[in-house]
Amino acid sequence: MTAWKKGRNFLIVLGACYLGFLACLLQPAIQTNVFYLHRIRWSTRDLLYPEKYGFDGKRARSLFIEESIHAWHIAPLVRTTDNAANMMNKDQQLIIYLHGTAGTIAFPHRLTSYRIFTALPNMHVLAIDYRGFGLSQGTPSESGLIEDGIAAVEWAIREGFSKENIILYGQSLGSAVAIGVAHELATRSVQPFEIGKVVTVAAFESGNEIIKTYRLGGVIPILEPLRTYPVVQRWFIGKLKHPWDSLARVQDLAAKTKISLTFGHAITDYEIPKEHSERLFQSAVDASLLVDGIAATATTKKTEDGGFERRFGNRFLYRSVYWGGHNQVQWDDKLLEDIQQMNGAE
């Protein structure tokens, strides 16, 4: 067999495998597993014991919200004889940490984020595993993950945190959850209220848009090979069960609420391009202008790392940074300074 025929046969087999993969994705159960990757857990053995991950048992505790959603509450890193439950009051800040796809609250880069955040003055972290992740019961879905985030907010308020001092912090998939939670709380018909702040890192404008270019692990493309067949691509996207339309929700939040929104993204993020966060920021600005008119000034400043800081009044911020890729961008000093300013610390 000639090299040309071998190459042709290889491409035929590769194409057949890809079409088979797409056919599998049309099955709702498989689609859910691929979208959320919630079955990639490594181990759940020690999730009930945050001290086994290096946290002082006095400031970190494992708990279940509404008996089904597993979470860790980690108090600020201070010398104290109090336990975490006794270190809460209405004047302290709380980050509700909403993580991305795959794994659990104990993934290494997430652990590092908790440590950095709780080193800020008076900053608590509540990290949750959504339904189907880690020790949490159920199967993930868009509405289900938003319900889990709302349950976390309601737990925090019951425990004494004021809603003004709660920061909904979402990374990757968690950004869509954070936006969805803030939107649902602000627009629901029964007892609506506005959360203090929303911070997203490595956000995407919608599930339908990100699937066009998303690469699993930054390597394996899902729908990008179909970009030369736009009709087929649109048909396939129409079959997706997890739209996560953050763009529409951000526009609604900007037009109907006073919630502040921060969008952070790394230029070096090869899983979700920074343009997604740029479009979310711009949609917030445009929606606000339509309602309020020219009530604030948009400013753009280039930063020393080659990124950009774009502000619209004191309400909307987009920050692109060079370092960090998809996960470690959370630890960039500029983004941490933004959170520190929310905390009222200098």
C-alpha atoms as a PDB file:
ATOM      1  CA  MET A   1       0.000   0.000   0.000  1.00  0.00           C
ATOM      2  CA  THR A   2       1.392   3.363  -0.992  1.00  0.00           C
ATOM      3  CA  ALA A   3       1.945   6.162   1.480  1.00  0.00           C
ATOM      4  CA  TRP A   4      -0.827   8.141  -0.232  1.00  0.00           C
ATOM      5  CA  LYS A   5      -3.356   5.340   0.303  1.00  0.00           C
ATOM      6  CA  LYS A   6      -2.267   4.887   3.906  1.00  0.00           C
ATOM      7  CA  GLY A   7      -2.736   8.578   4.503  1.00  0.00           C
ATOM      8  CA  ARG A   8      -6.136   8.547   2.823  1.00  0.00           C
ATOM      9  CA  ASN A   9      -7.286   5.556   4.883  1.00  0.00           C
ATOM     10  CA  PHE A  10      -6.065   7.219   8.055  1.00  0.00           C
ATOM     11  CA  LEU A  11      -8.087  10.337   7.279  1.00  0.00           C
ATOM     12  CA  ILE A  12     -11.166   8.231   6.505  1.00  0.00           C
ATOM     13  CA  VAL A  13     -10.864   6.409   9.830  1.00  0.00           C
ATOM     14  CA  LEU A  14     -10.234   9.686  11.668  1.00  0.00           C
ATOM     15  CA  GLY A  15     -13.279  11.269  10.023  1.00  0.00           C
ATOM     16  CA  ALA A  16     -15.438   8.268  10.878  1.00  0.00           C
ATOM     17  CA  CYS A  17     -14.322   8.436  14.510  1.00  0.00           C
ATOM     18  CA  TYR A  18     -15.132  12.150  14.636  1.00  0.00           C
ATOM     19  CA  LEU A  19     -18.602  11.619  13.155  1.00  0.00           C
ATOM     20  CA  GLY A  20     -19.171   8.830  15.668  1.00  0.00           C
ATOM     21  CA  PHE A  21     -18.137  11.197  18.460  1.00  0.00           C
ATOM     22  CA  LEU A  22     -20.621  13.811  17.236  1.00  0.00           C
ATOM     23  CA  ALA A  23     -23.365  11.191  17.009  1.00  0.00           C
ATOM     24  CA  CYS A  24     -22.690  10.212  20.614  1.00  0.00           C
ATOM     25  CA  LEU A  25     -22.928  13.859  21.676  1.00  0.00           C
ATOM     26  CA  LEU A  26     -26.510  13.940  20.417  1.00  0.00           C
ATOM     27  CA  GLN A  27     -27.418  11.580  23.267  1.00  0.00           C
ATOM     28  CA  PRO A  28     -28.461  13.749  26.253  1.00  0.00           C
ATOM     29  CA  ALA A  29     -26.677  11.629  28.872  1.00  0.00           C
ATOM     30  CA  ILE A  30     -23.401  11.601  26.943  1.00  0.00           C
ATOM     31  CA  GLN A  31     -23.734  15.309  26.173  1.00  0.00           C
ATOM     32  CA  THR A  32     -24.115  16.054  29.881  1.00  0.00           C
ATOM     33  CA  ASN A  33     -21.046  14.002  30.760  1.00  0.00           C
ATOM     34  CA  VAL A  34     -18.911  15.662  28.084  1.00  0.00           C
ATOM     35  CA  PHE A  35     -20.103  19.198  28.886  1.00  0.00           C
ATOM     36  CA  TYR A  36     -19.636  19.025  32.665  1.00  0.00           C
ATOM     37  CA  LEU A  37     -16.982  16.269  32.972  1.00  0.00           C
ATOM     38  CA  HIS A  38     -18.345  15.743  36.472  1.00  0.00           C
ATOM     39  CA  ARG A  39     -17.337  12.093  36.566  1.00  0.00           C
ATOM     40  CA  ILE A  40     -13.664  13.060  36.432  1.00  0.00           C
ATOM     41  CA  ARG A  41     -13.118  13.097  40.177  1.00  0.00           C
ATOM     42  CA  TRP A  42      -9.813  11.356  40.861  1.00  0.00           C
ATOM     43  CA  SER A  43     -10.743  10.703  44.484  1.00  0.00           C
ATOM     44  CA  THR A  44     -13.471  11.787  46.892  1.00  0.00           C
ATOM     45  CA  ARG A  45     -11.976   9.930  49.836  1.00  0.00           C
ATOM     46  CA  ASP A  46     -10.896  12.878  51.959  1.00  0.00           C
ATOM     47  CA  LEU A  47     -13.361  15.560  50.854  1.00  0.00           C
ATOM     48  CA  LEU A  48     -15.052  15.539  54.254  1.00  0.00           C
ATOM     49  CA  TYR A  49     -11.771  16.617  55.841  1.00  0.00           C
ATOM     50  CA  PRO A  50     -10.351  19.904  54.484  1.00  0.00           C
ATOM     51  CA  GLU A  51      -7.523  19.614  57.014  1.00  0.00           C
ATOM     52  CA  LYS A  52      -6.179  16.735  54.901  1.00  0.00           C
ATOM     53  CA  TYR A  53      -5.566  19.317  52.192  1.00  0.00           C
ATOM     54  CA  GLY A  54      -3.500  21.557  54.438  1.00  0.00           C
ATOM     55  CA  PHE A  55      -6.168  23.775  55.990  1.00  0.00           C
ATOM     56  CA  ASP A  56      -6.212  24.386  59.724  1.00  0.00           C
ATOM     57  CA  GLY A  57      -9.181  22.518  61.160  1.00  0.00           C
ATOM     58  CA  LYS A  58     -10.075  25.599  63.227  1.00  0.00           C
ATOM     59  CA  ARG A  59     -10.751  27.734  60.155  1.00  0.00           C
ATOM     60  CA  ALA A  60     -12.031  25.201  57.621  1.00  0.00           C
ATOM     61  CA  ARG A  61     -15.067  22.978  57.868  1.00  0.00           C
ATOM     62  CA  SER A  62     -16.911  20.580  55.605  1.00  0.00           C
ATOM     63  CA  LEU A  63     -20.691  20.881  55.423  1.00  0.00           C
ATOM     64  CA  PHE A  64     -23.730  19.987  53.358  1.00  0.00           C
ATOM     65  CA  ILE A  65     -26.164  22.637  52.151  1.00  0.00           C
ATOM     66  CA  GLU A  66     -29.758  21.391  52.097  1.00  0.00           C
ATOM     67  CA  GLU A  67     -28.343  17.911  52.821  1.00  0.00           C
ATOM     68  CA  SER A  68     -27.222  17.302  49.238  1.00  0.00           C
ATOM     69  CA  ILE A  69     -24.691  19.958  48.170  1.00  0.00           C
ATOM     70  CA  HIS A  70     -21.240  19.437  49.644  1.00  0.00           C
ATOM     71  CA  ALA A  71     -19.229  22.529  50.490  1.00  0.00           C
ATOM     72  CA  TRP A  72     -16.238  23.819  52.383  1.00  0.00           C
ATOM     73  CA  HIS A  73     -16.354  26.996  54.434  1.00  0.00           C
ATOM     74  CA  ILE A  74     -12.884  28.462  54.953  1.00  0.00           C
ATOM     75  CA  ALA A  75     -12.470  31.425  57.292  1.00  0.00           C
ATOM     76  CA  PRO A  76      -9.806  34.158  56.947  1.00  0.00           C
ATOM     77  CA  LEU A  77      -6.207  33.223  57.664  1.00  0.00           C
ATOM     78  CA  VAL A  78      -5.730  34.790  61.097  1.00  0.00           C
ATOM     79  CA  ARG A  79      -4.425  33.527  64.396  1.00  0.00           C
ATOM     80  CA  THR A  80      -7.452  32.600  66.443  1.00  0.00           C
ATOM     81  CA  THR A  81      -8.809  30.053  68.850  1.00  0.00           C
ATOM     82  CA  ASP A  82     -12.279  30.371  67.326  1.00  0.00           C
ATOM     83  CA  ASN A  83     -13.564  27.876  64.804  1.00  0.00           C
ATOM     84  CA  ALA A  84     -14.853  28.864  61.360  1.00  0.00           C
ATOM     85  CA  ALA A  85     -18.493  28.980  62.458  1.00  0.00           C
ATOM     86  CA  ASN A  86     -17.690  31.576  65.142  1.00  0.00           C
ATOM     87  CA  MET A  87     -15.670  33.824  62.815  1.00  0.00           C
ATOM     88  CA  MET A  88     -18.575  35.122  60.728  1.00  0.00           C
ATOM     89  CA  ASN A  89     -20.330  38.460  61.020  1.00  0.00           C
ATOM     90  CA  LYS A  90     -22.228  40.791  58.731  1.00  0.00           C
ATOM     91  CA  ASP A  91     -19.216  43.076  58.235  1.00  0.00           C
ATOM     92  CA  GLN A  92     -17.006  40.376  56.729  1.00  0.00           C
ATOM     93  CA  GLN A  93     -16.819  39.442  53.064  1.00  0.00           C
ATOM     94  CA  LEU A  94     -17.603  36.064  51.535  1.00  0.00           C
ATOM     95  CA  ILE A  95     -16.498  34.696  48.183  1.00  0.00           C
ATOM     96  CA  ILE A  96     -18.856  31.979  46.977  1.00  0.00           C
ATOM     97  CA  TYR A  97     -16.467  30.051  44.750  1.00  0.00           C
ATOM     98  CA  LEU A  98     -18.107  28.378  41.748  1.00  0.00           C
ATOM     99  CA  HIS A  99     -15.627  26.153  39.965  1.00  0.00           C
ATOM    100  CA  GLY A 100     -15.240  24.991  36.389  1.00  0.00           C
ATOM    101  CA  THR A 101     -15.815  21.637  34.733  1.00  0.00           C
ATOM    102  CA  ALA A 102     -14.333  18.396  36.027  1.00  0.00           C
ATOM    103  CA  GLY A 103     -13.039  17.474  39.422  1.00  0.00           C
ATOM    104  CA  THR A 104     -14.076  18.641  42.848  1.00  0.00           C
ATOM    105  CA  ILE A 105     -13.578  21.511  45.266  1.00  0.00           C
ATOM    106  CA  ALA A 106     -10.245  19.873  46.159  1.00  0.00           C
ATOM    107  CA  PHE A 107      -8.555  20.213  42.752  1.00  0.00           C
ATOM    108  CA  PRO A 108      -5.052  21.671  43.294  1.00  0.00           C
ATOM    109  CA  HIS A 109      -5.522  25.001  41.494  1.00  0.00           C
ATOM    110  CA  ARG A 110      -8.785  25.540  43.380  1.00  0.00           C
ATOM    111  CA  LEU A 111      -7.079  24.891  46.717  1.00  0.00           C
ATOM    112  CA  THR A 112      -4.498  27.546  45.866  1.00  0.00           C
ATOM    113  CA  SER A 113      -7.264  30.031  45.074  1.00  0.00           C
ATOM    114  CA  TYR A 114      -8.925  29.465  48.464  1.00  0.00           C
ATOM    115  CA  ARG A 115      -5.623  30.044  50.258  1.00  0.00           C
ATOM    116  CA  ILE A 116      -4.948  33.284  48.390  1.00  0.00           C
ATOM    117  CA  PHE A 117      -8.464  34.654  48.857  1.00  0.00           C
ATOM    118  CA  THR A 118      -8.630  33.889  52.582  1.00  0.00           C
ATOM    119  CA  ALA A 119      -5.273  35.602  53.075  1.00  0.00           C
ATOM    120  CA  LEU A 120      -7.073  38.860  52.248  1.00  0.00           C
ATOM    121  CA  PRO A 121      -8.377  40.703  55.333  1.00  0.00           C
ATOM    122  CA  ASN A 122     -11.782  39.511  56.566  1.00  0.00           C
ATOM    123  CA  MET A 123     -12.361  37.322  53.494  1.00  0.00           C
ATOM    124  CA  HIS A 124     -14.173  33.996  53.818  1.00  0.00           C
ATOM    125  CA  VAL A 125     -14.601  31.403  51.062  1.00  0.00           C
ATOM    126  CA  LEU A 126     -17.528  29.055  50.552  1.00  0.00           C
ATOM    127  CA  ALA A 127     -16.615  26.534  47.845  1.00  0.00           C
ATOM    128  CA  ILE A 128     -19.326  24.196  46.605  1.00  0.00           C
ATOM    129  CA  ASP A 129     -19.426  21.079  44.489  1.00  0.00           C
ATOM    130  CA  TYR A 130     -22.479  21.231  42.235  1.00  0.00           C
ATOM    131  CA  ARG A 131     -24.900  18.324  42.033  1.00  0.00           C
ATOM    132  CA  GLY A 132     -23.150  15.324  40.506  1.00  0.00           C
ATOM    133  CA  PHE A 133     -19.677  16.639  41.416  1.00  0.00           C
ATOM    134  CA  GLY A 134     -17.659  15.253  44.305  1.00  0.00           C
ATOM    135  CA  LEU A 135     -19.895  14.204  47.202  1.00  0.00           C
ATOM    136  CA  SER A 136     -22.920  16.184  46.017  1.00  0.00           C
ATOM    137  CA  GLN A 137     -25.961  14.218  44.947  1.00  0.00           C
ATOM    138  CA  GLY A 138     -27.824  14.472  41.654  1.00  0.00           C
ATOM    139  CA  THR A 139     -27.103  15.030  37.969  1.00  0.00           C
ATOM    140  CA  PRO A 140     -25.797  18.362  36.636  1.00  0.00           C
ATOM    141  CA  SER A 141     -27.977  20.598  34.483  1.00  0.00           C
ATOM    142  CA  GLU A 142     -28.142  24.325  33.827  1.00  0.00           C
ATOM    143  CA  SER A 143     -31.137  24.912  36.085  1.00  0.00           C
ATOM    144  CA  GLY A 144     -29.756  22.534  38.705  1.00  0.00           C
ATOM    145  CA  LEU A 145     -26.383  24.255  39.002  1.00  0.00           C
ATOM    146  CA  ILE A 146     -28.085  27.638  39.319  1.00  0.00           C
ATOM    147  CA  GLU A 147     -30.289  26.218  42.083  1.00  0.00           C
ATOM    148  CA  ASP A 148     -27.161  24.978  43.874  1.00  0.00           C
ATOM    149  CA  GLY A 149     -25.595  28.430  43.673  1.00  0.00           C
ATOM    150  CA  ILE A 150     -28.768  30.022  45.030  1.00  0.00           C
ATOM    151  CA  ALA A 151     -28.764  27.527  47.903  1.00  0.00           C
ATOM    152  CA  ALA A 152     -25.199  28.618  48.714  1.00  0.00           C
ATOM    153  CA  VAL A 153     -26.222  32.295  48.769  1.00  0.00           C
ATOM    154  CA  GLU A 154     -29.206  31.572  51.000  1.00  0.00           C
ATOM    155  CA  TRP A 155     -26.996  29.541  53.355  1.00  0.00           C
ATOM    156  CA  ALA A 156     -24.563  32.461  53.589  1.00  0.00           C
ATOM    157  CA  ILE A 157     -27.325  34.927  54.437  1.00  0.00           C
ATOM    158  CA  ARG A 158     -28.723  32.595  57.095  1.00  0.00           C
ATOM    159  CA  GLU A 159     -25.232  32.341  58.587  1.00  0.00           C
ATOM    160  CA  GLY A 160     -25.015  36.107  58.977  1.00  0.00           C
ATOM    161  CA  PHE A 161     -23.320  37.465  55.851  1.00  0.00           C
ATOM    162  CA  SER A 162     -25.040  40.480  54.324  1.00  0.00           C
ATOM    163  CA  LYS A 163     -25.918  40.154  50.648  1.00  0.00           C
ATOM    164  CA  GLU A 164     -23.936  43.333  49.928  1.00  0.00           C
ATOM    165  CA  ASN A 165     -20.783  41.589  51.181  1.00  0.00           C
ATOM    166  CA  ILE A 166     -21.194  38.448  49.086  1.00  0.00           C
ATOM    167  CA  ILE A 167     -19.045  38.059  45.972  1.00  0.00           C
ATOM    168  CA  LEU A 168     -20.206  35.455  43.471  1.00  0.00           C
ATOM    169  CA  TYR A 169     -16.923  34.265  41.970  1.00  0.00           C
ATOM    170  CA  GLY A 170     -17.012  31.958  38.966  1.00  0.00           C
ATOM    171  CA  GLN A 171     -14.201  30.458  36.919  1.00  0.00           C
ATOM    172  CA  SER A 172     -14.850  28.968  33.456  1.00  0.00           C
ATOM    173  CA  LEU A 173     -18.152  27.057  33.788  1.00  0.00           C
ATOM    174  CA  GLY A 174     -18.501  28.703  37.192  1.00  0.00           C
ATOM    175  CA  SER A 175     -18.691  32.107  35.502  1.00  0.00           C
ATOM    176  CA  ALA A 176     -21.918  31.050  33.784  1.00  0.00           C
ATOM    177  CA  VAL A 177     -23.224  29.721  37.098  1.00  0.00           C
ATOM    178  CA  ALA A 178     -22.361  32.975  38.909  1.00  0.00           C
ATOM    179  CA  ILE A 179     -24.098  35.085  36.269  1.00  0.00           C
ATOM    180  CA  GLY A 180     -27.083  32.729  36.266  1.00  0.00           C
ATOM    181  CA  VAL A 181     -27.406  32.842  40.063  1.00  0.00           C
ATOM    182  CA  ALA A 182     -27.219  36.644  40.196  1.00  0.00           C
ATOM    183  CA  HIS A 183     -29.768  36.906  37.396  1.00  0.00           C
ATOM    184  CA  GLU A 184     -32.222  34.455  38.949  1.00  0.00           C
ATOM    185  CA  LEU A 185     -32.025  36.106  42.381  1.00  0.00           C
ATOM    186  CA  ALA A 186     -32.575  39.568  40.903  1.00  0.00           C
ATOM    187  CA  THR A 187     -35.435  38.694  38.546  1.00  0.00           C
ATOM    188  CA  ARG A 188     -37.412  35.968  40.308  1.00  0.00           C
ATOM    189  CA  SER A 189     -41.000  36.744  41.195  1.00  0.00           C
ATOM    190  CA  VAL A 190     -40.747  35.827  44.894  1.00  0.00           C
ATOM    191  CA  GLN A 191     -38.451  37.889  47.143  1.00  0.00           C
ATOM    192  CA  PRO A 192     -35.978  39.067  44.501  1.00  0.00           C
ATOM    193  CA  PHE A 193     -32.781  40.761  45.655  1.00  0.00           C
ATOM    194  CA  GLU A 194     -29.460  41.912  44.238  1.00  0.00           C
ATOM    195  CA  ILE A 195     -26.246  40.205  45.259  1.00  0.00           C
ATOM    196  CA  GLY A 196     -23.288  42.431  46.062  1.00  0.00           C
ATOM    197  CA  LYS A 197     -20.825  41.666  43.271  1.00  0.00           C
ATOM    198  CA  VAL A 198     -20.133  39.168  40.504  1.00  0.00           C
ATOM    199  CA  VAL A 199     -16.591  38.295  39.421  1.00  0.00           C
ATOM    200  CA  THR A 200     -15.983  36.003  36.463  1.00  0.00           C
ATOM    201  CA  VAL A 201     -12.673  34.597  35.272  1.00  0.00           C
ATOM    202  CA  ALA A 202     -12.278  32.839  31.912  1.00  0.00           C
ATOM    203  CA  ALA A 203     -15.964  33.345  31.141  1.00  0.00           C
ATOM    204  CA  PHE A 204     -17.779  32.371  27.956  1.00  0.00           C
ATOM    205  CA  GLU A 205     -20.692  34.239  26.407  1.00  0.00           C
ATOM    206  CA  SER A 206     -22.842  31.133  25.863  1.00  0.00           C
ATOM    207  CA  GLY A 207     -22.581  27.382  25.607  1.00  0.00           C
ATOM    208  CA  ASN A 208     -23.628  27.574  21.970  1.00  0.00           C
ATOM    209  CA  GLU A 209     -20.785  29.971  21.146  1.00  0.00           C
ATOM    210  CA  ILE A 210     -18.026  28.306  23.141  1.00  0.00           C
ATOM    211  CA  ILE A 211     -18.743  24.887  21.663  1.00  0.00           C
ATOM    212  CA  LYS A 212     -17.746  26.235  18.225  1.00  0.00           C
ATOM    213  CA  THR A 213     -14.115  26.723  19.244  1.00  0.00           C
ATOM    214  CA  TYR A 214     -13.742  24.897  22.574  1.00  0.00           C
ATOM    215  CA  ARG A 215     -10.970  22.331  22.880  1.00  0.00           C
ATOM    216  CA  LEU A 216     -11.096  19.705  25.602  1.00  0.00           C
ATOM    217  CA  GLY A 217      -7.983  20.215  27.692  1.00  0.00           C
ATOM    218  CA  GLY A 218      -7.030  22.970  25.286  1.00  0.00           C
ATOM    219  CA  VAL A 219      -6.184  20.303  22.679  1.00  0.00           C
ATOM    220  CA  ILE A 220      -9.145  18.289  21.336  1.00  0.00           C
ATOM    221  CA  PRO A 221     -11.559  20.375  19.199  1.00  0.00           C
ATOM    222  CA  ILE A 222     -15.270  19.576  19.429  1.00  0.00           C
ATOM    223  CA  LEU A 223     -17.011  21.507  16.650  1.00  0.00           C
ATOM    224  CA  GLU A 224     -14.191  23.521  15.122  1.00  0.00           C
ATOM    225  CA  PRO A 225     -13.734  20.979  12.270  1.00  0.00           C
ATOM    226  CA  LEU A 226     -17.294  21.846  11.163  1.00  0.00           C
ATOM    227  CA  ARG A 227     -16.640  25.559  10.707  1.00  0.00           C
ATOM    228  CA  THR A 228     -16.360  25.061   6.931  1.00  0.00           C
ATOM    229  CA  TYR A 229     -19.872  23.568   7.035  1.00  0.00           C
ATOM    230  CA  PRO A 230     -21.827  26.311   8.858  1.00  0.00           C
ATOM    231  CA  VAL A 231     -25.251  24.797   8.128  1.00  0.00           C
ATOM    232  CA  VAL A 232     -24.220  21.483   9.707  1.00  0.00           C
ATOM    233  CA  GLN A 233     -22.597  23.311  12.620  1.00  0.00           C
ATOM    234  CA  ARG A 234     -25.752  25.360  13.289  1.00  0.00           C
ATOM    235  CA  TRP A 235     -27.906  22.236  13.108  1.00  0.00           C
ATOM    236  CA  PHE A 236     -25.715  20.450  15.625  1.00  0.00           C
ATOM    237  CA  ILE A 237     -25.616  23.422  17.992  1.00  0.00           C
ATOM    238  CA  GLY A 238     -29.414  23.494  17.875  1.00  0.00           C
ATOM    239  CA  LYS A 239     -29.386  20.031  19.442  1.00  0.00           C
ATOM    240  CA  LEU A 240     -27.396  21.095  22.496  1.00  0.00           C
ATOM    241  CA  LYS A 241     -29.185  20.891  25.851  1.00  0.00           C
ATOM    242  CA  HIS A 242     -26.974  23.282  27.843  1.00  0.00           C
ATOM    243  CA  PRO A 243     -27.230  26.771  26.279  1.00  0.00           C
ATOM    244  CA  TRP A 244     -25.882  28.794  29.252  1.00  0.00           C
ATOM    245  CA  ASP A 245     -26.693  32.140  27.603  1.00  0.00           C
ATOM    246  CA  SER A 246     -24.584  34.409  29.811  1.00  0.00           C
ATOM    247  CA  LEU A 247     -24.646  37.206  27.231  1.00  0.00           C
ATOM    248  CA  ALA A 248     -28.424  37.639  27.516  1.00  0.00           C
ATOM    249  CA  ARG A 249     -28.274  37.407  31.318  1.00  0.00           C
ATOM    250  CA  VAL A 250     -25.510  40.005  31.565  1.00  0.00           C
ATOM    251  CA  GLN A 251     -27.508  42.386  29.372  1.00  0.00           C
ATOM    252  CA  ASP A 252     -30.520  41.892  31.630  1.00  0.00           C
ATOM    253  CA  LEU A 253     -28.474  42.419  34.810  1.00  0.00           C
ATOM    254  CA  ALA A 254     -26.907  45.573  33.399  1.00  0.00           C
ATOM    255  CA  ALA A 255     -30.259  47.028  32.344  1.00  0.00           C
ATOM    256  CA  LYS A 256     -32.365  46.067  35.362  1.00  0.00           C
ATOM    257  CA  THR A 257     -30.029  45.997  38.382  1.00  0.00           C
ATOM    258  CA  LYS A 258     -27.129  47.868  39.970  1.00  0.00           C
ATOM    259  CA  ILE A 259     -24.957  44.763  40.450  1.00  0.00           C
ATOM    260  CA  SER A 260     -21.267  45.324  39.713  1.00  0.00           C
ATOM    261  CA  LEU A 261     -19.683  42.932  37.215  1.00  0.00           C
ATOM    262  CA  THR A 262     -15.982  42.152  36.807  1.00  0.00           C
ATOM    263  CA  PHE A 263     -14.653  40.077  33.907  1.00  0.00           C
ATOM    264  CA  GLY A 264     -11.088  38.754  34.080  1.00  0.00           C
ATOM    265  CA  HIS A 265      -9.367  36.779  31.338  1.00  0.00           C
ATOM    266  CA  ALA A 266      -5.860  35.689  30.373  1.00  0.00           C
ATOM    267  CA  ILE A 267      -4.511  36.501  26.936  1.00  0.00           C
ATOM    268  CA  THR A 268      -2.828  33.086  27.162  1.00  0.00           C
ATOM    269  CA  ASP A 269      -6.091  31.187  27.726  1.00  0.00           C
ATOM    270  CA  TYR A 270      -6.156  28.628  24.907  1.00  0.00           C
ATOM    271  CA  GLU A 271      -9.361  26.920  26.052  1.00  0.00           C
ATOM    272  CA  ILE A 272     -11.678  29.938  26.080  1.00  0.00           C
ATOM    273  CA  PRO A 273     -10.521  32.994  24.088  1.00  0.00           C
ATOM    274  CA  LYS A 274     -10.501  36.323  25.912  1.00  0.00           C
ATOM    275  CA  GLU A 275     -12.896  37.760  23.325  1.00  0.00           C
ATOM    276  CA  HIS A 276     -15.743  36.050  25.199  1.00  0.00           C
ATOM    277  CA  SER A 277     -15.127  38.206  28.287  1.00  0.00           C
ATOM    278  CA  GLU A 278     -14.654  41.277  26.096  1.00  0.00           C
ATOM    279  CA  ARG A 279     -18.069  40.750  24.527  1.00  0.00           C
ATOM    280  CA  LEU A 280     -19.696  40.184  27.921  1.00  0.00           C
ATOM    281  CA  PHE A 281     -18.222  43.442  29.223  1.00  0.00           C
ATOM    282  CA  GLN A 282     -19.282  45.378  26.137  1.00  0.00           C
ATOM    283  CA  SER A 283     -22.798  43.944  26.276  1.00  0.00           C
ATOM    284  CA  ALA A 284     -23.086  45.125  29.891  1.00  0.00           C
ATOM    285  CA  VAL A 285     -21.955  48.623  28.919  1.00  0.00           C
ATOM    286  CA  ASP A 286     -24.311  48.795  25.932  1.00  0.00           C
ATOM    287  CA  ALA A 287     -27.315  47.563  27.925  1.00  0.00           C
ATOM    288  CA  SER A 288     -26.624  50.048  30.709  1.00  0.00           C
ATOM    289  CA  LEU A 289     -26.333  52.934  28.237  1.00  0.00           C
ATOM    290  CA  LEU A 290     -29.665  52.048  26.659  1.00  0.00           C
ATOM    291  CA  VAL A 291     -31.379  52.402  30.032  1.00  0.00           C
ATOM    292  CA  ASP A 292     -29.396  55.101  31.837  1.00  0.00           C
ATOM    293  CA  GLY A 293     -27.930  57.112  28.982  1.00  0.00           C
ATOM    294  CA  ILE A 294     -24.409  58.533  29.296  1.00  0.00           C
ATOM    295  CA  ALA A 295     -24.227  58.239  33.060  1.00  0.00           C
ATOM    296  CA  ALA A 296     -20.607  57.060  33.211  1.00  0.00           C
ATOM    297  CA  THR A 297     -17.413  57.236  31.200  1.00  0.00           C
ATOM    298  CA  ALA A 298     -15.720  54.190  29.700  1.00  0.00           C
ATOM    299  CA  THR A 299     -11.940  54.219  30.080  1.00  0.00           C
ATOM    300  CA  THR A 300      -9.274  51.934  28.646  1.00  0.00           C
ATOM    301  CA  LYS A 301      -5.745  51.608  30.004  1.00  0.00           C
ATOM    302  CA  LYS A 302      -2.950  49.347  28.844  1.00  0.00           C
ATOM    303  CA  THR A 303      -1.163  47.529  31.673  1.00  0.00           C
ATOM    304  CA  GLU A 304       2.531  46.760  31.960  1.00  0.00           C
ATOM    305  CA  ASP A 305       2.061  43.044  31.206  1.00  0.00           C
ATOM    306  CA  GLY A 306       0.497  43.762  27.815  1.00  0.00           C
ATOM    307  CA  GLY A 307      -3.084  43.412  28.998  1.00  0.00           C
ATOM    308  CA  PHE A 308      -5.889  45.945  29.243  1.00  0.00           C
ATOM    309  CA  GLU A 309      -8.068  47.430  31.948  1.00  0.00           C
ATOM    310  CA  ARG A 310     -11.433  48.706  30.755  1.00  0.00           C
ATOM    311  CA  ARG A 311     -13.781  50.376  33.206  1.00  0.00           C
ATOM    312  CA  PHE A 312     -17.266  51.754  32.909  1.00  0.00           C
ATOM    313  CA  GLY A 313     -17.862  53.923  35.931  1.00  0.00           C
ATOM    314  CA  ASN A 314     -17.542  51.965  39.162  1.00  0.00           C
ATOM    315  CA  ARG A 315     -19.797  49.188  37.997  1.00  0.00           C
ATOM    316  CA  PHE A 316     -18.257  47.241  35.117  1.00  0.00           C
ATOM    317  CA  LEU A 317     -14.629  46.151  34.741  1.00  0.00           C
ATOM    318  CA  TYR A 318     -12.893  44.038  32.116  1.00  0.00           C
ATOM    319  CA  ARG A 319      -9.303  43.054  32.807  1.00  0.00           C
ATOM    320  CA  SER A 320      -7.111  41.064  30.455  1.00  0.00           C
ATOM    321  CA  VAL A 321      -3.776  39.845  31.787  1.00  0.00           C
ATOM    322  CA  TYR A 322      -0.972  38.039  30.029  1.00  0.00           C
ATOM    323  CA  TRP A 323      -0.122  35.391  32.604  1.00  0.00           C
ATOM    324  CA  GLY A 324      -2.055  32.425  33.900  1.00  0.00           C
ATOM    325  CA  GLY A 325      -3.758  30.594  31.070  1.00  0.00           C
ATOM    326  CA  HIS A 326      -7.152  29.121  31.861  1.00  0.00           C
ATOM    327  CA  ASN A 327      -6.734  28.238  35.547  1.00  0.00           C
ATOM    328  CA  GLN A 328      -3.816  30.095  37.117  1.00  0.00           C
ATOM    329  CA  VAL A 329      -5.065  33.469  35.881  1.00  0.00           C
ATOM    330  CA  GLN A 330      -7.049  33.575  39.127  1.00  0.00           C
ATOM    331  CA  TRP A 331      -3.814  34.316  40.979  1.00  0.00           C
ATOM    332  CA  ASP A 332      -2.754  37.311  38.903  1.00  0.00           C
ATOM    333  CA  ASP A 333      -1.930  40.279  41.124  1.00  0.00           C
ATOM    334  CA  LYS A 334      -4.127  42.709  39.198  1.00  0.00           C
ATOM    335  CA  LEU A 335      -7.206  40.520  39.585  1.00  0.00           C
ATOM    336  CA  LEU A 336      -6.427  39.981  43.262  1.00  0.00           C
ATOM    337  CA  GLU A 337      -6.096  43.736  43.739  1.00  0.00           C
ATOM    338  CA  ASP A 338      -9.552  44.154  42.203  1.00  0.00           C
ATOM    339  CA  ILE A 339     -10.989  41.735  44.771  1.00  0.00           C
ATOM    340  CA  GLN A 340      -9.054  43.428  47.550  1.00  0.00           C
ATOM    341  CA  GLN A 341     -10.636  46.755  46.607  1.00  0.00           C
ATOM    342  CA  MET A 342     -14.078  45.133  46.771  1.00  0.00           C
ATOM    343  CA  ASN A 343     -13.085  44.061  50.259  1.00  0.00           C
ATOM    344  CA  GLY A 344     -12.413  47.664  51.230  1.00  0.00           C
ATOM    345  CA  ALA A 345      -8.771  46.866  51.964  1.00  0.00           C
ATOM    346  CA  GLU A 346      -5.924  49.074  50.824  1.00  0.00           C
END
